[in-house]
Amino acid sequence: IPQVVMCRIAKKTKASSDISLESEVATMVYVKDKTTVPVPTVYAYCPDMDNSVGSPFIIMSRMPGTTMWSQEWDDLDLEAKLRTVRSYARIVMELSQQTFREIGSLYFAE
């Protein structure tokens, strides 16, 4: 585990939160294993409140870069906008090429 990790603590608001968090982790692992899309590495997670944190959580690697919310789109120069749009298009294209037998959410096999 690297020295810097992120811990996302979920606010448990409904019974399906366990399932949602487990599906989120399974999806992150799938995308990381099957594509070149940049996804954090999941080191640990707990989908329920029965833990020392008292809430569902995911411990994952910290991704480099900034979020689009931290930079106003209008403040970016044309080249930065083009890089962003091209990068996004590559990600969408790669994800759209994944095929599944059924529709729905991803989960780990039991």
PDB file of N, CA and C in Angstrom:
ATOM      1  N   ILE A   1       0.860  -1.181   0.000  1.00  0.00           N
ATOM      2  CA  ILE A   1       0.000   0.000   0.000  1.00  0.00           C
ATOM      3  C   ILE A   1       0.899   1.234   0.000  1.00  0.00           C
ATOM      4  N   PRO A   2       0.608   2.195  -0.885  1.00  0.00           N
ATOM      5  CA  PRO A   2       1.414   3.419  -0.911  1.00  0.00           C
ATOM      6  C   PRO A   2       1.214   4.248   0.358  1.00  0.00           C
ATOM      7  N   GLN A   3       2.080   5.232   0.534  1.00  0.00           N
ATOM      8  CA  GLN A   3       1.989   6.072   1.733  1.00  0.00           C
ATOM      9  C   GLN A   3       0.760   6.966   1.726  1.00  0.00           C
ATOM     10  N   VAL A   4       0.265   7.326   0.543  1.00  0.00           N
ATOM     11  CA  VAL A   4      -0.906   8.193   0.451  1.00  0.00           C
ATOM     12  C   VAL A   4      -2.060   7.403  -0.154  1.00  0.00           C
ATOM     13  N   VAL A   5      -3.144   7.306   0.583  1.00  0.00           N
ATOM     14  CA  VAL A   5      -4.350   6.641   0.095  1.00  0.00           C
ATOM     15  C   VAL A   5      -5.543   7.548   0.367  1.00  0.00           C
ATOM     16  N   MET A   6      -6.645   7.229  -0.257  1.00  0.00           N
ATOM     17  CA  MET A   6      -7.887   7.955  -0.027  1.00  0.00           C
ATOM     18  C   MET A   6      -8.842   7.019   0.706  1.00  0.00           C
ATOM     19  N   CYS A   7      -9.586   7.566   1.620  1.00  0.00           N
ATOM     20  CA  CYS A   7     -10.623   6.791   2.292  1.00  0.00           C
ATOM     21  C   CYS A   7     -11.942   7.511   2.043  1.00  0.00           C
ATOM     22  N   ARG A   8     -12.820   6.869   1.315  1.00  0.00           N
ATOM     23  CA  ARG A   8     -14.131   7.451   1.064  1.00  0.00           C
ATOM     24  C   ARG A   8     -15.106   6.812   2.027  1.00  0.00           C
ATOM     25  N   ILE A   9     -15.675   7.618   2.869  1.00  0.00           N
ATOM     26  CA  ILE A   9     -16.620   7.132   3.874  1.00  0.00           C
ATOM     27  C   ILE A   9     -18.020   7.471   3.393  1.00  0.00           C
ATOM     28  N   ALA A  10     -18.848   6.442   3.285  1.00  0.00           N
ATOM     29  CA  ALA A  10     -20.202   6.624   2.769  1.00  0.00           C
ATOM     30  C   ALA A  10     -21.162   6.949   3.901  1.00  0.00           C
ATOM     31  N   LYS A  11     -22.124   7.760   3.585  1.00  0.00           N
ATOM     32  CA  LYS A  11     -23.201   8.022   4.529  1.00  0.00           C
ATOM     33  C   LYS A  11     -24.267   6.967   4.274  1.00  0.00           C
ATOM     34  N   LYS A  12     -24.496   6.133   5.235  1.00  0.00           N
ATOM     35  CA  LYS A  12     -25.473   5.055   5.064  1.00  0.00           C
ATOM     36  C   LYS A  12     -26.868   5.625   5.272  1.00  0.00           C
ATOM     37  N   THR A  13     -27.639   5.614   4.195  1.00  0.00           N
ATOM     38  CA  THR A  13     -28.974   6.196   4.276  1.00  0.00           C
ATOM     39  C   THR A  13     -30.086   5.203   3.996  1.00  0.00           C
ATOM     40  N   LYS A  14     -29.744   4.027   3.454  1.00  0.00           N
ATOM     41  CA  LYS A  14     -30.777   3.040   3.141  1.00  0.00           C
ATOM     42  C   LYS A  14     -30.182   1.642   3.176  1.00  0.00           C
ATOM     43  N   ALA A  15     -31.038   0.653   3.221  1.00  0.00           N
ATOM     44  CA  ALA A  15     -30.587  -0.737   3.328  1.00  0.00           C
ATOM     45  C   ALA A  15     -29.776  -1.185   2.125  1.00  0.00           C
ATOM     46  N   SER A  16     -30.019  -0.603   0.951  1.00  0.00           N
ATOM     47  CA  SER A  16     -29.304  -1.038  -0.252  1.00  0.00           C
ATOM     48  C   SER A  16     -27.898  -0.454  -0.336  1.00  0.00           C
ATOM     49  N   SER A  17     -27.488   0.336   0.649  1.00  0.00           N
ATOM     50  CA  SER A  17     -26.151   0.923   0.622  1.00  0.00           C
ATOM     51  C   SER A  17     -25.067  -0.144   0.577  1.00  0.00           C
ATOM     52  N   ASP A  18     -25.260  -1.261   1.307  1.00  0.00           N
ATOM     53  CA  ASP A  18     -24.283  -2.357   1.291  1.00  0.00           C
ATOM     54  C   ASP A  18     -24.077  -2.855  -0.130  1.00  0.00           C
ATOM     55  N   ILE A  19     -25.183  -3.102  -0.812  1.00  0.00           N
ATOM     56  CA  ILE A  19     -25.132  -3.628  -2.173  1.00  0.00           C
ATOM     57  C   ILE A  19     -24.518  -2.599  -3.113  1.00  0.00           C
ATOM     58  N   SER A  20     -24.885  -1.340  -2.965  1.00  0.00           N
ATOM     59  CA  SER A  20     -24.352  -0.290  -3.831  1.00  0.00           C
ATOM     60  C   SER A  20     -22.845  -0.168  -3.693  1.00  0.00           C
ATOM     61  N   LEU A  21     -22.333  -0.170  -2.485  1.00  0.00           N
ATOM     62  CA  LEU A  21     -20.896  -0.040  -2.274  1.00  0.00           C
ATOM     63  C   LEU A  21     -20.167  -1.268  -2.807  1.00  0.00           C
ATOM     64  N   GLU A  22     -20.718  -2.451  -2.592  1.00  0.00           N
ATOM     65  CA  GLU A  22     -20.087  -3.666  -3.118  1.00  0.00           C
ATOM     66  C   GLU A  22     -20.063  -3.642  -4.644  1.00  0.00           C
ATOM     67  N   SER A  23     -21.122  -3.155  -5.263  1.00  0.00           N
ATOM     68  CA  SER A  23     -21.161  -3.055  -6.720  1.00  0.00           C
ATOM     69  C   SER A  23     -20.159  -2.015  -7.216  1.00  0.00           C
ATOM     70  N   GLU A  24     -20.039  -0.916  -6.498  1.00  0.00           N
ATOM     71  CA  GLU A  24     -19.067   0.115  -6.876  1.00  0.00           C
ATOM     72  C   GLU A  24     -17.647  -0.451  -6.854  1.00  0.00           C
ATOM     73  N   VAL A  25     -17.315  -1.183  -5.809  1.00  0.00           N
ATOM     74  CA  VAL A  25     -15.979  -1.783  -5.703  1.00  0.00           C
ATOM     75  C   VAL A  25     -15.777  -2.818  -6.808  1.00  0.00           C
ATOM     76  N   ALA A  26     -16.764  -3.674  -7.038  1.00  0.00           N
ATOM     77  CA  ALA A  26     -16.653  -4.686  -8.096  1.00  0.00           C
ATOM     78  C   ALA A  26     -16.472  -4.027  -9.459  1.00  0.00           C
ATOM     79  N   THR A  27     -17.164  -2.929  -9.689  1.00  0.00           N
ATOM     80  CA  THR A  27     -17.038  -2.211 -10.960  1.00  0.00           C
ATOM     81  C   THR A  27     -15.651  -1.603 -11.106  1.00  0.00           C
ATOM     82  N   MET A  28     -15.129  -1.009 -10.046  1.00  0.00           N
ATOM     83  CA  MET A  28     -13.781  -0.434 -10.096  1.00  0.00           C
ATOM     84  C   MET A  28     -12.741  -1.516 -10.392  1.00  0.00           C
ATOM     85  N   VAL A  29     -12.868  -2.664  -9.738  1.00  0.00           N
ATOM     86  CA  VAL A  29     -11.922  -3.765  -9.950  1.00  0.00           C
ATOM     87  C   VAL A  29     -12.032  -4.284 -11.383  1.00  0.00           C
ATOM     88  N   TYR A  30     -13.252  -4.437 -11.876  1.00  0.00           N
ATOM     89  CA  TYR A  30     -13.458  -4.912 -13.247  1.00  0.00           C
ATOM     90  C   TYR A  30     -12.822  -3.954 -14.256  1.00  0.00           C
ATOM     91  N   VAL A  31     -13.125  -2.674 -14.131  1.00  0.00           N
ATOM     92  CA  VAL A  31     -12.597  -1.684 -15.082  1.00  0.00           C
ATOM     93  C   VAL A  31     -11.077  -1.657 -15.031  1.00  0.00           C
ATOM     94  N   LYS A  32     -10.508  -1.740 -13.844  1.00  0.00           N
ATOM     95  CA  LYS A  32      -9.044  -1.742 -13.709  1.00  0.00           C
ATOM     96  C   LYS A  32      -8.431  -2.984 -14.360  1.00  0.00           C
ATOM     97  N   ASP A  33      -9.076  -4.138 -14.196  1.00  0.00           N
ATOM     98  CA  ASP A  33      -8.550  -5.399 -14.734  1.00  0.00           C
ATOM     99  C   ASP A  33      -8.754  -5.557 -16.238  1.00  0.00           C
ATOM    100  N   LYS A  34      -9.846  -5.023 -16.762  1.00  0.00           N
ATOM    101  CA  LYS A  34     -10.234  -5.307 -18.148  1.00  0.00           C
ATOM    102  C   LYS A  34      -9.997  -4.165 -19.134  1.00  0.00           C
ATOM    103  N   THR A  35      -9.607  -2.982 -18.647  1.00  0.00           N
ATOM    104  CA  THR A  35      -9.434  -1.834 -19.539  1.00  0.00           C
ATOM    105  C   THR A  35      -8.151  -1.086 -19.182  1.00  0.00           C
ATOM    106  N   THR A  36      -7.884  -0.057 -19.958  1.00  0.00           N
ATOM    107  CA  THR A  36      -6.768   0.841 -19.636  1.00  0.00           C
ATOM    108  C   THR A  36      -7.273   2.139 -19.013  1.00  0.00           C
ATOM    109  N   VAL A  37      -8.563   2.198 -18.704  1.00  0.00           N
ATOM    110  CA  VAL A  37      -9.155   3.382 -18.076  1.00  0.00           C
ATOM    111  C   VAL A  37      -8.534   3.565 -16.696  1.00  0.00           C
ATOM    112  N   PRO A  38      -8.061   4.776 -16.389  1.00  0.00           N
ATOM    113  CA  PRO A  38      -7.460   4.993 -15.067  1.00  0.00           C
ATOM    114  C   PRO A  38      -8.504   4.896 -13.952  1.00  0.00           C
ATOM    115  N   VAL A  39      -8.268   3.971 -13.050  1.00  0.00           N
ATOM    116  CA  VAL A  39      -9.178   3.719 -11.932  1.00  0.00           C
ATOM    117  C   VAL A  39      -8.326   3.505 -10.686  1.00  0.00           C
ATOM    118  N   PRO A  40      -8.749   4.024  -9.541  1.00  0.00           N
ATOM    119  CA  PRO A  40      -7.979   3.779  -8.317  1.00  0.00           C
ATOM    120  C   PRO A  40      -7.911   2.294  -7.983  1.00  0.00           C
ATOM    121  N   THR A  41      -6.835   1.895  -7.342  1.00  0.00           N
ATOM    122  CA  THR A  41      -6.711   0.539  -6.820  1.00  0.00           C
ATOM    123  C   THR A  41      -7.435   0.480  -5.481  1.00  0.00           C
ATOM    124  N   VAL A  42      -8.319  -0.497  -5.314  1.00  0.00           N
ATOM    125  CA  VAL A  42      -9.037  -0.668  -4.049  1.00  0.00           C
ATOM    126  C   VAL A  42      -8.191  -1.558  -3.149  1.00  0.00           C
ATOM    127  N   TYR A  43      -7.846  -1.050  -1.959  1.00  0.00           N
ATOM    128  CA  TYR A  43      -7.048  -1.811  -0.999  1.00  0.00           C
ATOM    129  C   TYR A  43      -7.908  -2.509   0.045  1.00  0.00           C
ATOM    130  N   ALA A  44      -9.005  -1.885   0.416  1.00  0.00           N
ATOM    131  CA  ALA A  44      -9.900  -2.468   1.418  1.00  0.00           C
ATOM    132  C   ALA A  44     -11.248  -1.766   1.320  1.00  0.00           C
ATOM    133  N   TYR A  45     -12.273  -2.466   1.759  1.00  0.00           N
ATOM    134  CA  TYR A  45     -13.588  -1.839   1.829  1.00  0.00           C
ATOM    135  C   TYR A  45     -14.445  -2.613   2.820  1.00  0.00           C
ATOM    136  N   CYS A  46     -15.458  -1.940   3.318  1.00  0.00           N
ATOM    137  CA  CYS A  46     -16.440  -2.575   4.189  1.00  0.00           C
ATOM    138  C   CYS A  46     -17.791  -1.959   3.831  1.00  0.00           C
ATOM    139  N   PRO A  47     -18.734  -2.766   3.354  1.00  0.00           N
ATOM    140  CA  PRO A  47     -20.002  -2.213   2.896  1.00  0.00           C
ATOM    141  C   PRO A  47     -21.027  -1.933   3.993  1.00  0.00           C
ATOM    142  N   ASP A  48     -20.738  -2.311   5.221  1.00  0.00           N
ATOM    143  CA  ASP A  48     -21.725  -2.103   6.279  1.00  0.00           C
ATOM    144  C   ASP A  48     -21.154  -1.224   7.392  1.00  0.00           C
ATOM    145  N   MET A  49     -21.977  -0.987   8.397  1.00  0.00           N
ATOM    146  CA  MET A  49     -21.571  -0.095   9.482  1.00  0.00           C
ATOM    147  C   MET A  49     -20.873  -0.832  10.619  1.00  0.00           C
ATOM    148  N   ASP A  50     -20.785  -2.137  10.536  1.00  0.00           N
ATOM    149  CA  ASP A  50     -20.190  -2.950  11.596  1.00  0.00           C
ATOM    150  C   ASP A  50     -18.674  -2.993  11.438  1.00  0.00           C
ATOM    151  N   ASN A  51     -18.034  -1.860  11.720  1.00  0.00           N
ATOM    152  CA  ASN A  51     -16.575  -1.743  11.628  1.00  0.00           C
ATOM    153  C   ASN A  51     -16.120  -0.616  12.544  1.00  0.00           C
ATOM    154  N   SER A  52     -14.833  -0.431  12.690  1.00  0.00           N
ATOM    155  CA  SER A  52     -14.315   0.582  13.619  1.00  0.00           C
ATOM    156  C   SER A  52     -14.603   2.006  13.160  1.00  0.00           C
ATOM    157  N   VAL A  53     -14.883   2.197  11.878  1.00  0.00           N
ATOM    158  CA  VAL A  53     -15.221   3.527  11.365  1.00  0.00           C
ATOM    159  C   VAL A  53     -16.675   3.862  11.686  1.00  0.00           C
ATOM    160  N   GLY A  54     -17.523   2.834  11.738  1.00  0.00           N
ATOM    161  CA  GLY A  54     -18.939   3.048  12.023  1.00  0.00           C
ATOM    162  C   GLY A  54     -19.746   3.428  10.799  1.00  0.00           C
ATOM    163  N   SER A  55     -19.159   3.245   9.616  1.00  0.00           N
ATOM    164  CA  SER A  55     -19.827   3.595   8.372  1.00  0.00           C
ATOM    165  C   SER A  55     -19.193   2.800   7.236  1.00  0.00           C
ATOM    166  N   PRO A  56     -19.915   2.564   6.146  1.00  0.00           N
ATOM    167  CA  PRO A  56     -19.300   1.910   4.994  1.00  0.00           C
ATOM    168  C   PRO A  56     -18.138   2.755   4.469  1.00  0.00           C
ATOM    169  N   PHE A  57     -17.087   2.094   3.962  1.00  0.00           N
ATOM    170  CA  PHE A  57     -15.936   2.847   3.456  1.00  0.00           C
ATOM    171  C   PHE A  57     -15.190   2.075   2.383  1.00  0.00           C
ATOM    172  N   ILE A  58     -14.410   2.813   1.604  1.00  0.00           N
ATOM    173  CA  ILE A  58     -13.485   2.243   0.624  1.00  0.00           C
ATOM    174  C   ILE A  58     -12.139   2.923   0.835  1.00  0.00           C
ATOM    175  N   ILE A  59     -11.079   2.143   0.966  1.00  0.00           N
ATOM    176  CA  ILE A  59      -9.714   2.679   1.002  1.00  0.00           C
ATOM    177  C   ILE A  59      -9.103   2.375  -0.360  1.00  0.00           C
ATOM    178  N   MET A  60      -8.667   3.428  -1.049  1.00  0.00           N
ATOM    179  CA  MET A  60      -8.171   3.267  -2.413  1.00  0.00           C
ATOM    180  C   MET A  60      -6.975   4.170  -2.671  1.00  0.00           C
ATOM    181  N   SER A  61      -6.302   3.889  -3.770  1.00  0.00           N
ATOM    182  CA  SER A  61      -5.167   4.728  -4.146  1.00  0.00           C
ATOM    183  C   SER A  61      -5.665   6.114  -4.535  1.00  0.00           C
ATOM    184  N   ARG A  62      -4.791   7.076  -4.396  1.00  0.00           N
ATOM    185  CA  ARG A  62      -5.111   8.450  -4.788  1.00  0.00           C
ATOM    186  C   ARG A  62      -4.712   8.617  -6.244  1.00  0.00           C
ATOM    187  N   MET A  63      -5.643   9.085  -7.057  1.00  0.00           N
ATOM    188  CA  MET A  63      -5.383   9.290  -8.479  1.00  0.00           C
ATOM    189  C   MET A  63      -4.724  10.653  -8.693  1.00  0.00           C
ATOM    190  N   PRO A  64      -3.755  10.718  -9.599  1.00  0.00           N
ATOM    191  CA  PRO A  64      -3.125  12.008  -9.889  1.00  0.00           C
ATOM    192  C   PRO A  64      -4.080  12.914 -10.666  1.00  0.00           C
ATOM    193  N   GLY A  65      -3.821  14.193 -10.632  1.00  0.00           N
ATOM    194  CA  GLY A  65      -4.612  15.138 -11.409  1.00  0.00           C
ATOM    195  C   GLY A  65      -5.614  15.889 -10.559  1.00  0.00           C
ATOM    196  N   THR A  66      -6.496  16.573 -11.241  1.00  0.00           N
ATOM    197  CA  THR A  66      -7.534  17.352 -10.574  1.00  0.00           C
ATOM    198  C   THR A  66      -8.887  16.958 -11.139  1.00  0.00           C
ATOM    199  N   THR A  67      -9.923  17.243 -10.400  1.00  0.00           N
ATOM    200  CA  THR A  67     -11.269  16.980 -10.895  1.00  0.00           C
ATOM    201  C   THR A  67     -11.695  18.129 -11.801  1.00  0.00           C
ATOM    202  N   MET A  68     -12.644  17.871 -12.639  1.00  0.00           N
ATOM    203  CA  MET A  68     -13.152  18.944 -13.501  1.00  0.00           C
ATOM    204  C   MET A  68     -13.846  20.024 -12.680  1.00  0.00           C
ATOM    205  N   TRP A  69     -14.292  19.685 -11.489  1.00  0.00           N
ATOM    206  CA  TRP A  69     -14.955  20.681 -10.649  1.00  0.00           C
ATOM    207  C   TRP A  69     -13.960  21.651 -10.033  1.00  0.00           C
ATOM    208  N   SER A  70     -12.681  21.264  -9.992  1.00  0.00           N
ATOM    209  CA  SER A  70     -11.700  22.149  -9.365  1.00  0.00           C
ATOM    210  C   SER A  70     -11.165  23.187 -10.344  1.00  0.00           C
ATOM    211  N   GLN A  71     -11.514  23.072 -11.588  1.00  0.00           N
ATOM    212  CA  GLN A  71     -11.029  24.004 -12.610  1.00  0.00           C
ATOM    213  C   GLN A  71     -12.225  24.418 -13.463  1.00  0.00           C
ATOM    214  N   GLU A  72     -12.448  25.695 -13.582  1.00  0.00           N
ATOM    215  CA  GLU A  72     -13.542  26.159 -14.423  1.00  0.00           C
ATOM    216  C   GLU A  72     -13.223  25.880 -15.884  1.00  0.00           C
ATOM    217  N   TRP A  73     -14.160  25.295 -16.611  1.00  0.00           N
ATOM    218  CA  TRP A  73     -13.972  24.967 -18.024  1.00  0.00           C
ATOM    219  C   TRP A  73     -13.572  26.208 -18.820  1.00  0.00           C
ATOM    220  N   ASP A  74     -14.223  27.319 -18.552  1.00  0.00           N
ATOM    221  CA  ASP A  74     -13.936  28.550 -19.298  1.00  0.00           C
ATOM    222  C   ASP A  74     -12.518  29.058 -19.076  1.00  0.00           C
ATOM    223  N   ASP A  75     -11.891  28.677 -17.965  1.00  0.00           N
ATOM    224  CA  ASP A  75     -10.524  29.126 -17.677  1.00  0.00           C
ATOM    225  C   ASP A  75      -9.468  28.309 -18.414  1.00  0.00           C
ATOM    226  N   LEU A  76      -9.850  27.155 -18.979  1.00  0.00           N
ATOM    227  CA  LEU A  76      -8.890  26.314 -19.689  1.00  0.00           C
ATOM    228  C   LEU A  76      -8.620  26.874 -21.079  1.00  0.00           C
ATOM    229  N   ASP A  77      -7.366  26.745 -21.531  1.00  0.00           N
ATOM    230  CA  ASP A  77      -7.073  27.161 -22.903  1.00  0.00           C
ATOM    231  C   ASP A  77      -7.586  26.089 -23.865  1.00  0.00           C
ATOM    232  N   LEU A  78      -7.593  26.403 -25.153  1.00  0.00           N
ATOM    233  CA  LEU A  78      -8.159  25.501 -26.149  1.00  0.00           C
ATOM    234  C   LEU A  78      -7.463  24.146 -26.148  1.00  0.00           C
ATOM    235  N   GLU A  79      -6.148  24.126 -26.031  1.00  0.00           N
ATOM    236  CA  GLU A  79      -5.405  22.860 -26.044  1.00  0.00           C
ATOM    237  C   GLU A  79      -5.798  21.979 -24.851  1.00  0.00           C
ATOM    238  N   ALA A  80      -5.963  22.576 -23.687  1.00  0.00           N
ATOM    239  CA  ALA A  80      -6.373  21.816 -22.500  1.00  0.00           C
ATOM    240  C   ALA A  80      -7.789  21.264 -22.675  1.00  0.00           C
ATOM    241  N   LYS A  81      -8.669  22.056 -23.270  1.00  0.00           N
ATOM    242  CA  LYS A  81     -10.029  21.578 -23.529  1.00  0.00           C
ATOM    243  C   LYS A  81     -10.013  20.401 -24.501  1.00  0.00           C
ATOM    244  N   LEU A  82      -9.206  20.507 -25.554  1.00  0.00           N
ATOM    245  CA  LEU A  82      -9.113  19.422 -26.538  1.00  0.00           C
ATOM    246  C   LEU A  82      -8.557  18.148 -25.904  1.00  0.00           C
ATOM    247  N   ARG A  83      -7.526  18.272 -25.075  1.00  0.00           N
ATOM    248  CA  ARG A  83      -6.964  17.101 -24.378  1.00  0.00           C
ATOM    249  C   ARG A  83      -8.021  16.441 -23.498  1.00  0.00           C
ATOM    250  N   THR A  84      -8.769  17.258 -22.801  1.00  0.00           N
ATOM    251  CA  THR A  84      -9.804  16.745 -21.901  1.00  0.00           C
ATOM    252  C   THR A  84     -10.889  16.002 -22.672  1.00  0.00           C
ATOM    253  N   VAL A  85     -11.371  16.605 -23.746  1.00  0.00           N
ATOM    254  CA  VAL A  85     -12.433  15.987 -24.543  1.00  0.00           C
ATOM    255  C   VAL A  85     -11.931  14.704 -25.203  1.00  0.00           C
ATOM    256  N   ARG A  86     -10.714  14.709 -25.719  1.00  0.00           N
ATOM    257  CA  ARG A  86     -10.157  13.498 -26.338  1.00  0.00           C
ATOM    258  C   ARG A  86      -9.988  12.382 -25.305  1.00  0.00           C
ATOM    259  N   SER A  87      -9.502  12.734 -24.146  1.00  0.00           N
ATOM    260  CA  SER A  87      -9.323  11.747 -23.084  1.00  0.00           C
ATOM    261  C   SER A  87     -10.667  11.152 -22.672  1.00  0.00           C
ATOM    262  N   TYR A  88     -11.642  11.997 -22.503  1.00  0.00           N
ATOM    263  CA  TYR A  88     -12.983  11.539 -22.140  1.00  0.00           C
ATOM    264  C   TYR A  88     -13.556  10.631 -23.228  1.00  0.00           C
ATOM    265  N   ALA A  89     -13.389  11.018 -24.487  1.00  0.00           N
ATOM    266  CA  ALA A  89     -13.896  10.217 -25.606  1.00  0.00           C
ATOM    267  C   ALA A  89     -13.231   8.841 -25.641  1.00  0.00           C
ATOM    268  N   ARG A  90     -11.925   8.777 -25.386  1.00  0.00           N
ATOM    269  CA  ARG A  90     -11.228   7.483 -25.358  1.00  0.00           C
ATOM    270  C   ARG A  90     -11.782   6.585 -24.250  1.00  0.00           C
ATOM    271  N   ILE A  91     -12.037   7.177 -23.102  1.00  0.00           N
ATOM    272  CA  ILE A  91     -12.581   6.407 -21.977  1.00  0.00           C
ATOM    273  C   ILE A  91     -13.975   5.881 -22.309  1.00  0.00           C
ATOM    274  N   VAL A  92     -14.837   6.744 -22.829  1.00  0.00           N
ATOM    275  CA  VAL A  92     -16.199   6.328 -23.180  1.00  0.00           C
ATOM    276  C   VAL A  92     -16.157   5.232 -24.241  1.00  0.00           C
ATOM    277  N   MET A  93     -15.292   5.378 -25.245  1.00  0.00           N
ATOM    278  CA  MET A  93     -15.189   4.374 -26.297  1.00  0.00           C
ATOM    279  C   MET A  93     -14.734   3.027 -25.730  1.00  0.00           C
ATOM    280  N   GLU A  94     -13.728   3.060 -24.877  1.00  0.00           N
ATOM    281  CA  GLU A  94     -13.227   1.807 -24.312  1.00  0.00           C
ATOM    282  C   GLU A  94     -14.271   1.132 -23.423  1.00  0.00           C
ATOM    283  N   LEU A  95     -14.957   1.911 -22.618  1.00  0.00           N
ATOM    284  CA  LEU A  95     -15.999   1.334 -21.761  1.00  0.00           C
ATOM    285  C   LEU A  95     -17.159   0.785 -22.587  1.00  0.00           C
ATOM    286  N   SER A  96     -17.492   1.453 -23.685  1.00  0.00           N
ATOM    287  CA  SER A  96     -18.614   0.994 -24.513  1.00  0.00           C
ATOM    288  C   SER A  96     -18.297  -0.310 -25.236  1.00  0.00           C
ATOM    289  N   GLN A  97     -17.036  -0.685 -25.320  1.00  0.00           N
ATOM    290  CA  GLN A  97     -16.649  -1.926 -25.986  1.00  0.00           C
ATOM    291  C   GLN A  97     -16.727  -3.141 -25.058  1.00  0.00           C
ATOM    292  N   GLN A  98     -16.993  -2.922 -23.792  1.00  0.00           N
ATOM    293  CA  GLN A  98     -17.152  -4.036 -22.855  1.00  0.00           C
ATOM    294  C   GLN A  98     -18.514  -4.681 -23.095  1.00  0.00           C
ATOM    295  N   THR A  99     -18.546  -5.995 -23.138  1.00  0.00           N
ATOM    296  CA  THR A  99     -19.814  -6.693 -23.376  1.00  0.00           C
ATOM    297  C   THR A  99     -20.167  -7.566 -22.169  1.00  0.00           C
ATOM    298  N   PHE A 100     -21.460  -7.691 -21.945  1.00  0.00           N
ATOM    299  CA  PHE A 100     -21.974  -8.463 -20.817  1.00  0.00           C
ATOM    300  C   PHE A 100     -23.155  -9.302 -21.287  1.00  0.00           C
ATOM    301  N   ARG A 101     -23.409 -10.402 -20.605  1.00  0.00           N
ATOM    302  CA  ARG A 101     -24.534 -11.280 -20.956  1.00  0.00           C
ATOM    303  C   ARG A 101     -25.879 -10.692 -20.535  1.00  0.00           C
ATOM    304  N   GLU A 102     -25.871  -9.862 -19.517  1.00  0.00           N
ATOM    305  CA  GLU A 102     -27.111  -9.309 -18.976  1.00  0.00           C
ATOM    306  C   GLU A 102     -26.907  -7.838 -18.645  1.00  0.00           C
ATOM    307  N   ILE A 103     -28.022  -7.125 -18.459  1.00  0.00           N
ATOM    308  CA  ILE A 103     -27.927  -5.752 -17.996  1.00  0.00           C
ATOM    309  C   ILE A 103     -27.946  -5.753 -16.470  1.00  0.00           C
ATOM    310  N   GLY A 104     -27.498  -4.667 -15.869  1.00  0.00           N
ATOM    311  CA  GLY A 104     -27.529  -4.568 -14.413  1.00  0.00           C
ATOM    312  C   GLY A 104     -26.195  -4.144 -13.849  1.00  0.00           C
ATOM    313  N   SER A 105     -26.044  -4.308 -12.577  1.00  0.00           N
ATOM    314  CA  SER A 105     -24.833  -3.906 -11.862  1.00  0.00           C
ATOM    315  C   SER A 105     -23.848  -5.061 -11.781  1.00  0.00           C
ATOM    316  N   LEU A 106     -22.577  -4.729 -11.569  1.00  0.00           N
ATOM    317  CA  LEU A 106     -21.545  -5.747 -11.376  1.00  0.00           C
ATOM    318  C   LEU A 106     -21.409  -6.060  -9.893  1.00  0.00           C
ATOM    319  N   TYR A 107     -21.170  -7.341  -9.594  1.00  0.00           N
ATOM    320  CA  TYR A 107     -20.929  -7.789  -8.228  1.00  0.00           C
ATOM    321  C   TYR A 107     -19.857  -8.859  -8.259  1.00  0.00           C
ATOM    322  N   PHE A 108     -19.184  -9.073  -7.152  1.00  0.00           N
ATOM    323  CA  PHE A 108     -18.232 -10.169  -7.041  1.00  0.00           C
ATOM    324  C   PHE A 108     -18.996 -11.485  -6.981  1.00  0.00           C
ATOM    325  N   ALA A 109     -18.435 -12.538  -7.557  1.00  0.00           N
ATOM    326  CA  ALA A 109     -19.058 -13.860  -7.484  1.00  0.00           C
ATOM    327  C   ALA A 109     -19.040 -14.332  -6.038  1.00  0.00           C
ATOM    328  N   GLU A 110     -20.093 -15.002  -5.642  1.00  0.00           N
ATOM    329  CA  GLU A 110     -20.163 -15.478  -4.252  1.00  0.00           C
ATOM    330  C   GLU A 110     -19.485 -16.803  -4.107  1.00  0.00           C
TER     331      GLU A 110
END
